[in-house]
Amino acid sequence: METNQFELVQRSITEILSESISETHQAIYSFNYENGQQPKAISFYVSAKAEPNDKLITGSYFAEIGQLDFKISKPIPNLGATIDHVTASCKTIVDGFEVE
């Protein structure tokens, strides 16, 4: 999209991945990347499988510095293990990302 106000500088590709992280919960990961580069950040949320639109945890993983920021909107059992799992999954996404 180009208008008089905006000029397209670059295109990126969006990926959305889902992962079952327990019998009752799932994580959804979303990230953009440019051709030839790994994702710089991954947005995520955790929800109950029974209520996928009810986001219990939302956050971002910043790949360049390995930092995970998150917000809890509702209590979740085994919070520490869940956060550790999401962090490891984000690292796996970035480390396993093949730059074409």
N, C-alpha and C. Protein backbone atom coordinates (compact mmCIF):
# COMPACT_ATOMS: atom_id res chain seq x y z
N MET A 1 0.84 -1.17 0.00
CA MET A 1 0.00 0.00 0.00
C MET A 1 0.89 1.24 0.00
N GLU A 2 0.71 2.06 -0.99
CA GLU A 2 1.43 3.33 -1.01
C GLU A 2 0.42 4.45 -1.19
N THR A 3 0.62 5.48 -0.44
CA THR A 3 -0.21 6.68 -0.56
C THR A 3 0.75 7.85 -0.61
N ASN A 4 0.22 9.02 -0.67
CA ASN A 4 1.07 10.21 -0.63
C ASN A 4 1.71 10.36 0.75
N GLN A 5 1.07 9.84 1.77
CA GLN A 5 1.58 9.98 3.12
C GLN A 5 2.59 8.90 3.48
N PHE A 6 2.38 7.67 3.01
CA PHE A 6 3.25 6.55 3.38
C PHE A 6 3.95 5.96 2.17
N GLU A 7 5.16 5.50 2.41
CA GLU A 7 5.91 4.79 1.38
C GLU A 7 6.36 3.46 1.97
N LEU A 8 6.12 2.38 1.25
CA LEU A 8 6.53 1.07 1.72
C LEU A 8 8.05 0.99 1.75
N VAL A 9 8.59 0.71 2.91
CA VAL A 9 10.04 0.63 3.08
C VAL A 9 10.50 -0.82 3.01
N GLN A 10 9.72 -1.72 3.57
CA GLN A 10 10.12 -3.11 3.55
C GLN A 10 8.91 -4.00 3.82
N ARG A 11 8.96 -5.19 3.31
CA ARG A 11 7.92 -6.18 3.57
C ARG A 11 8.47 -7.21 4.54
N SER A 12 7.58 -7.72 5.38
CA SER A 12 7.98 -8.79 6.28
C SER A 12 6.93 -9.89 6.21
N ILE A 13 7.28 -11.04 6.73
CA ILE A 13 6.41 -12.20 6.73
C ILE A 13 6.00 -12.47 8.18
N THR A 14 4.75 -12.83 8.38
CA THR A 14 4.25 -13.14 9.72
C THR A 14 4.00 -14.64 9.83
N GLU A 15 4.44 -15.21 10.95
CA GLU A 15 4.19 -16.62 11.25
C GLU A 15 3.40 -16.68 12.56
N ILE A 16 2.46 -17.58 12.64
CA ILE A 16 1.72 -17.83 13.87
C ILE A 16 1.80 -19.33 14.13
N LEU A 17 2.31 -19.69 15.30
CA LEU A 17 2.50 -21.10 15.67
C LEU A 17 1.73 -21.38 16.95
N SER A 18 1.21 -22.60 17.08
CA SER A 18 0.55 -22.99 18.32
C SER A 18 1.27 -24.20 18.90
N GLU A 19 1.17 -24.33 20.22
CA GLU A 19 1.83 -25.43 20.91
C GLU A 19 0.99 -25.83 22.12
N SER A 20 0.80 -27.12 22.27
CA SER A 20 0.16 -27.64 23.46
C SER A 20 1.23 -27.70 24.55
N ILE A 21 1.02 -26.98 25.65
CA ILE A 21 2.05 -26.95 26.70
C ILE A 21 1.65 -27.76 27.93
N SER A 22 0.42 -28.22 27.96
CA SER A 22 -0.04 -29.13 29.01
C SER A 22 -1.35 -29.74 28.54
N GLU A 23 -1.93 -30.58 29.37
CA GLU A 23 -3.22 -31.17 28.99
C GLU A 23 -4.32 -30.12 28.88
N THR A 24 -4.15 -29.02 29.60
CA THR A 24 -5.22 -28.02 29.66
C THR A 24 -4.88 -26.67 29.03
N HIS A 25 -3.60 -26.44 28.70
CA HIS A 25 -3.20 -25.11 28.22
C HIS A 25 -2.44 -25.19 26.89
N GLN A 26 -2.55 -24.09 26.16
CA GLN A 26 -1.83 -23.96 24.89
C GLN A 26 -1.14 -22.60 24.83
N ALA A 27 -0.12 -22.53 24.00
CA ALA A 27 0.56 -21.26 23.76
C ALA A 27 0.49 -20.95 22.27
N ILE A 28 0.29 -19.68 21.96
CA ILE A 28 0.28 -19.20 20.59
C ILE A 28 1.42 -18.21 20.47
N TYR A 29 2.26 -18.41 19.45
CA TYR A 29 3.43 -17.56 19.22
C TYR A 29 3.25 -16.86 17.87
N SER A 30 3.58 -15.59 17.83
CA SER A 30 3.47 -14.82 16.59
C SER A 30 4.73 -13.99 16.43
N PHE A 31 5.26 -13.98 15.21
CA PHE A 31 6.45 -13.17 14.96
C PHE A 31 6.54 -12.78 13.50
N ASN A 32 7.20 -11.69 13.27
CA ASN A 32 7.49 -11.20 11.92
C ASN A 32 8.96 -11.40 11.65
N TYR A 33 9.29 -11.59 10.39
CA TYR A 33 10.69 -11.62 10.00
C TYR A 33 10.83 -11.11 8.58
N GLU A 34 12.01 -10.67 8.29
CA GLU A 34 12.33 -10.20 6.96
C GLU A 34 13.13 -11.30 6.27
N ASN A 35 13.08 -11.32 4.96
CA ASN A 35 13.85 -12.32 4.23
C ASN A 35 15.31 -12.25 4.63
N GLY A 36 15.87 -13.41 4.97
CA GLY A 36 17.29 -13.48 5.31
C GLY A 36 17.62 -13.14 6.75
N GLN A 37 16.61 -12.93 7.61
CA GLN A 37 16.89 -12.58 9.00
C GLN A 37 16.02 -13.38 9.95
N GLN A 38 16.55 -13.67 11.13
CA GLN A 38 15.78 -14.33 12.17
C GLN A 38 14.81 -13.34 12.80
N PRO A 39 13.75 -13.84 13.43
CA PRO A 39 12.84 -12.92 14.13
C PRO A 39 13.56 -12.22 15.28
N LYS A 40 13.24 -10.96 15.46
CA LYS A 40 13.86 -10.17 16.55
C LYS A 40 13.03 -10.25 17.83
N ALA A 41 11.73 -10.49 17.69
CA ALA A 41 10.85 -10.58 18.84
C ALA A 41 9.71 -11.54 18.53
N ILE A 42 9.21 -12.17 19.58
CA ILE A 42 8.09 -13.10 19.45
C ILE A 42 7.03 -12.68 20.47
N SER A 43 5.83 -12.44 19.98
CA SER A 43 4.70 -12.18 20.88
C SER A 43 4.02 -13.51 21.17
N PHE A 44 3.49 -13.66 22.36
CA PHE A 44 2.85 -14.91 22.71
C PHE A 44 1.70 -14.69 23.67
N TYR A 45 0.85 -15.68 23.75
CA TYR A 45 -0.14 -15.73 24.82
C TYR A 45 -0.40 -17.18 25.18
N VAL A 46 -0.82 -17.39 26.41
CA VAL A 46 -1.19 -18.71 26.92
C VAL A 46 -2.67 -18.66 27.26
N SER A 47 -3.38 -19.70 26.85
CA SER A 47 -4.81 -19.79 27.14
C SER A 47 -5.17 -21.22 27.50
N ALA A 48 -6.32 -21.37 28.12
CA ALA A 48 -6.86 -22.71 28.36
C ALA A 48 -7.35 -23.26 27.03
N LYS A 49 -7.13 -24.55 26.81
CA LYS A 49 -7.60 -25.15 25.55
C LYS A 49 -9.11 -25.05 25.42
N ALA A 50 -9.80 -25.12 26.54
CA ALA A 50 -11.26 -25.05 26.52
C ALA A 50 -11.77 -23.65 26.18
N GLU A 51 -10.95 -22.64 26.44
CA GLU A 51 -11.32 -21.24 26.17
C GLU A 51 -10.16 -20.53 25.47
N PRO A 52 -9.93 -20.82 24.19
CA PRO A 52 -8.74 -20.29 23.50
C PRO A 52 -8.68 -18.77 23.37
N ASN A 53 -9.81 -18.09 23.49
CA ASN A 53 -9.79 -16.63 23.38
C ASN A 53 -9.58 -15.93 24.72
N ASP A 54 -9.54 -16.70 25.80
CA ASP A 54 -9.33 -16.15 27.14
C ASP A 54 -7.83 -16.19 27.45
N LYS A 55 -7.15 -15.10 27.22
CA LYS A 55 -5.69 -15.04 27.37
C LYS A 55 -5.32 -14.91 28.85
N LEU A 56 -4.64 -15.94 29.36
CA LEU A 56 -4.23 -15.96 30.76
C LEU A 56 -2.91 -15.24 30.97
N ILE A 57 -1.99 -15.41 30.03
CA ILE A 57 -0.68 -14.76 30.06
C ILE A 57 -0.43 -14.20 28.67
N THR A 58 0.04 -12.96 28.59
CA THR A 58 0.46 -12.37 27.33
C THR A 58 1.86 -11.81 27.52
N GLY A 59 2.62 -11.76 26.43
CA GLY A 59 3.96 -11.21 26.57
C GLY A 59 4.75 -11.23 25.29
N SER A 60 6.03 -10.91 25.44
CA SER A 60 6.96 -10.86 24.32
C SER A 60 8.32 -11.40 24.74
N TYR A 61 8.98 -12.01 23.78
CA TYR A 61 10.35 -12.48 23.98
C TYR A 61 11.22 -11.70 23.00
N PHE A 62 12.24 -11.02 23.53
CA PHE A 62 13.14 -10.22 22.71
C PHE A 62 14.40 -11.03 22.44
N ALA A 63 14.51 -11.54 21.22
CA ALA A 63 15.54 -12.52 20.88
C ALA A 63 16.97 -12.00 21.03
N GLU A 64 17.20 -10.76 20.67
CA GLU A 64 18.57 -10.24 20.69
C GLU A 64 19.16 -10.20 22.09
N ILE A 65 18.32 -10.02 23.11
CA ILE A 65 18.84 -9.95 24.48
C ILE A 65 18.33 -11.10 25.35
N GLY A 66 17.48 -11.97 24.80
CA GLY A 66 16.98 -13.12 25.54
C GLY A 66 16.07 -12.76 26.70
N GLN A 67 15.33 -11.67 26.57
CA GLN A 67 14.48 -11.20 27.66
C GLN A 67 13.02 -11.54 27.38
N LEU A 68 12.35 -12.07 28.38
CA LEU A 68 10.93 -12.37 28.30
C LEU A 68 10.18 -11.42 29.22
N ASP A 69 9.22 -10.69 28.67
CA ASP A 69 8.34 -9.83 29.45
C ASP A 69 6.93 -10.40 29.34
N PHE A 70 6.21 -10.43 30.46
CA PHE A 70 4.86 -10.98 30.39
C PHE A 70 3.96 -10.33 31.43
N LYS A 71 2.66 -10.50 31.19
CA LYS A 71 1.64 -10.00 32.11
C LYS A 71 0.65 -11.14 32.34
N ILE A 72 0.28 -11.32 33.59
CA ILE A 72 -0.66 -12.36 33.96
C ILE A 72 -2.03 -11.71 34.17
N SER A 73 -3.02 -12.18 33.45
CA SER A 73 -4.36 -11.61 33.61
C SER A 73 -5.25 -12.45 34.52
N LYS A 74 -4.92 -13.74 34.66
CA LYS A 74 -5.66 -14.63 35.55
C LYS A 74 -4.69 -15.64 36.14
N PRO A 75 -4.97 -16.12 37.34
CA PRO A 75 -4.07 -17.11 37.94
C PRO A 75 -3.97 -18.37 37.07
N ILE A 76 -2.80 -18.95 37.07
CA ILE A 76 -2.56 -20.17 36.30
C ILE A 76 -1.73 -21.12 37.16
N PRO A 77 -2.10 -22.39 37.23
CA PRO A 77 -1.30 -23.33 38.02
C PRO A 77 0.07 -23.54 37.38
N ASN A 78 1.05 -23.81 38.21
CA ASN A 78 2.42 -24.08 37.73
C ASN A 78 2.96 -22.93 36.86
N LEU A 79 2.79 -21.71 37.36
CA LEU A 79 3.19 -20.53 36.59
C LEU A 79 4.67 -20.58 36.22
N GLY A 80 5.53 -20.92 37.15
CA GLY A 80 6.96 -20.95 36.87
C GLY A 80 7.31 -21.93 35.76
N ALA A 81 6.74 -23.11 35.81
CA ALA A 81 7.00 -24.11 34.77
C ALA A 81 6.45 -23.65 33.42
N THR A 82 5.31 -22.98 33.44
CA THR A 82 4.73 -22.48 32.20
C THR A 82 5.62 -21.41 31.57
N ILE A 83 6.11 -20.48 32.39
CA ILE A 83 6.99 -19.42 31.88
C ILE A 83 8.30 -20.03 31.37
N ASP A 84 8.85 -21.00 32.10
CA ASP A 84 10.07 -21.68 31.63
C ASP A 84 9.83 -22.36 30.29
N HIS A 85 8.66 -22.98 30.13
CA HIS A 85 8.34 -23.67 28.88
C HIS A 85 8.23 -22.67 27.72
N VAL A 86 7.52 -21.56 27.95
CA VAL A 86 7.36 -20.54 26.91
C VAL A 86 8.72 -19.95 26.53
N THR A 87 9.56 -19.68 27.52
CA THR A 87 10.90 -19.13 27.24
C THR A 87 11.70 -20.11 26.39
N ALA A 88 11.70 -21.38 26.77
CA ALA A 88 12.44 -22.40 26.01
C ALA A 88 11.89 -22.53 24.60
N SER A 89 10.58 -22.47 24.45
CA SER A 89 9.98 -22.56 23.12
C SER A 89 10.35 -21.37 22.24
N CYS A 90 10.37 -20.17 22.83
CA CYS A 90 10.78 -18.98 22.07
C CYS A 90 12.22 -19.12 21.60
N LYS A 91 13.09 -19.60 22.48
CA LYS A 91 14.49 -19.81 22.10
C LYS A 91 14.60 -20.84 20.99
N THR A 92 13.79 -21.91 21.08
CA THR A 92 13.79 -22.94 20.04
C THR A 92 13.34 -22.38 18.70
N ILE A 93 12.32 -21.54 18.72
CA ILE A 93 11.85 -20.91 17.47
C ILE A 93 12.97 -20.10 16.84
N VAL A 94 13.63 -19.26 17.64
CA VAL A 94 14.69 -18.40 17.11
C VAL A 94 15.89 -19.23 16.67
N ASP A 95 16.34 -20.16 17.53
CA ASP A 95 17.53 -20.96 17.21
C ASP A 95 17.29 -21.88 16.01
N GLY A 96 16.07 -22.38 15.87
CA GLY A 96 15.78 -23.29 14.77
C GLY A 96 15.31 -22.61 13.50
N PHE A 97 15.27 -21.29 13.54
CA PHE A 97 14.78 -20.55 12.38
C PHE A 97 15.83 -20.58 11.29
N GLU A 98 15.42 -21.03 10.12
CA GLU A 98 16.36 -21.12 9.00
C GLU A 98 16.26 -19.86 8.15
N VAL A 99 17.36 -19.17 8.07
CA VAL A 99 17.42 -17.96 7.25
C VAL A 99 17.64 -18.39 5.80
N GLU A 100 16.74 -17.96 4.93
CA GLU A 100 16.86 -18.33 3.51
C GLU A 100 17.59 -17.26 2.74
